[in-house]
Amino acid sequence: MEMEPARREEEIVYVCARCGRELTPRDLALLHGVRCVYCGGRILYKTRSPRVKEVKAI
């Protein structure tokens, strides 16, 4: 069974629920806490990776 390698922080992208802009962990580090640097919104969604995970059936 192969394990998926850990994602680097640069690959993780968040989307603000309020303004829809994409943010990186570097952007989030600019403000204290979890907030959008553009609009101040506090609800962020983590985008899914484009990889498809295959699982064997029992």
C-alpha atoms as a PDB file:
ATOM      1  CA  MET A   1       0.000   0.000   0.000  1.00  0.00           C
ATOM      2  CA  GLU A   2       1.542   3.302  -1.095  1.00  0.00           C
ATOM      3  CA  MET A   3       1.124   6.411   0.983  1.00  0.00           C
ATOM      4  CA  GLU A   4       0.640   9.749  -0.696  1.00  0.00           C
ATOM      5  CA  PRO A   5       3.608  12.078  -0.097  1.00  0.00           C
ATOM      6  CA  ALA A   6       2.954  15.062   2.159  1.00  0.00           C
ATOM      7  CA  ARG A   7       1.911  18.191   0.321  1.00  0.00           C
ATOM      8  CA  ARG A   8       4.233  21.136   0.502  1.00  0.00           C
ATOM      9  CA  GLU A   9       2.819  24.342   1.959  1.00  0.00           C
ATOM     10  CA  GLU A  10       3.248  26.148  -1.365  1.00  0.00           C
ATOM     11  CA  GLU A  11       0.822  23.723  -3.025  1.00  0.00           C
ATOM     12  CA  ILE A  12      -1.981  24.308  -0.519  1.00  0.00           C
ATOM     13  CA  VAL A  13      -4.453  26.919  -1.740  1.00  0.00           C
ATOM     14  CA  TYR A  14      -7.377  28.384   0.171  1.00  0.00           C
ATOM     15  CA  VAL A  15     -10.353  30.251  -1.309  1.00  0.00           C
ATOM     16  CA  CYS A  16     -12.119  33.025   0.572  1.00  0.00           C
ATOM     17  CA  ALA A  17     -15.874  32.439   0.896  1.00  0.00           C
ATOM     18  CA  ARG A  18     -16.572  36.177   0.871  1.00  0.00           C
ATOM     19  CA  CYS A  19     -14.564  37.537  -2.078  1.00  0.00           C
ATOM     20  CA  GLY A  20     -13.519  34.299  -3.849  1.00  0.00           C
ATOM     21  CA  ARG A  21      -9.813  35.107  -4.059  1.00  0.00           C
ATOM     22  CA  GLU A  22      -7.189  32.399  -3.726  1.00  0.00           C
ATOM     23  CA  LEU A  23      -4.782  32.566  -0.781  1.00  0.00           C
ATOM     24  CA  THR A  24      -1.583  30.721   0.076  1.00  0.00           C
ATOM     25  CA  PRO A  25      -0.205  30.002   3.559  1.00  0.00           C
ATOM     26  CA  ARG A  26       2.229  32.866   2.934  1.00  0.00           C
ATOM     27  CA  ASP A  27      -0.715  35.249   2.472  1.00  0.00           C
ATOM     28  CA  LEU A  28      -2.335  34.010   5.679  1.00  0.00           C
ATOM     29  CA  ALA A  29       0.874  34.659   7.630  1.00  0.00           C
ATOM     30  CA  LEU A  30       0.554  38.398   6.941  1.00  0.00           C
ATOM     31  CA  LEU A  31      -2.356  38.774   9.366  1.00  0.00           C
ATOM     32  CA  HIS A  32      -2.735  37.363  12.837  1.00  0.00           C
ATOM     33  CA  GLY A  33      -5.177  34.443  12.755  1.00  0.00           C
ATOM     34  CA  VAL A  34      -7.117  33.082   9.804  1.00  0.00           C
ATOM     35  CA  ARG A  35      -8.402  35.988   7.722  1.00  0.00           C
ATOM     36  CA  CYS A  36      -8.491  36.926   4.063  1.00  0.00           C
ATOM     37  CA  VAL A  37      -5.867  39.610   3.423  1.00  0.00           C
ATOM     38  CA  TYR A  38      -8.091  41.258   0.795  1.00  0.00           C
ATOM     39  CA  CYS A  39     -11.546  41.521   2.406  1.00  0.00           C
ATOM     40  CA  GLY A  40     -11.032  40.392   6.020  1.00  0.00           C
ATOM     41  CA  GLY A  41     -13.367  37.400   5.663  1.00  0.00           C
ATOM     42  CA  ARG A  42     -12.814  34.600   8.152  1.00  0.00           C
ATOM     43  CA  ILE A  43     -14.275  31.656   6.204  1.00  0.00           C
ATOM     44  CA  LEU A  44     -11.713  29.939   3.982  1.00  0.00           C
ATOM     45  CA  TYR A  45     -12.133  26.754   1.985  1.00  0.00           C
ATOM     46  CA  LYS A  46      -9.219  24.441   1.291  1.00  0.00           C
ATOM     47  CA  THR A  47      -9.175  23.448  -2.373  1.00  0.00           C
ATOM     48  CA  ARG A  48      -9.013  19.804  -3.324  1.00  0.00           C
ATOM     49  CA  SER A  49      -6.016  18.392  -5.081  1.00  0.00           C
ATOM     50  CA  PRO A  50      -6.528  17.368  -8.721  1.00  0.00           C
ATOM     51  CA  ARG A  51      -5.284  13.846  -7.943  1.00  0.00           C
ATOM     52  CA  VAL A  52      -7.715  10.954  -7.925  1.00  0.00           C
ATOM     53  CA  LYS A  53      -7.334   8.505  -5.075  1.00  0.00           C
ATOM     54  CA  GLU A  54      -7.929   4.880  -6.007  1.00  0.00           C
ATOM     55  CA  VAL A  55      -9.015   2.408  -3.333  1.00  0.00           C
ATOM     56  CA  LYS A  56      -9.229  -1.355  -3.824  1.00  0.00           C
ATOM     57  CA  ALA A  57     -12.637  -2.891  -3.179  1.00  0.00           C
ATOM     58  CA  ILE A  58     -12.860  -5.686  -0.635  1.00  0.00           C
END
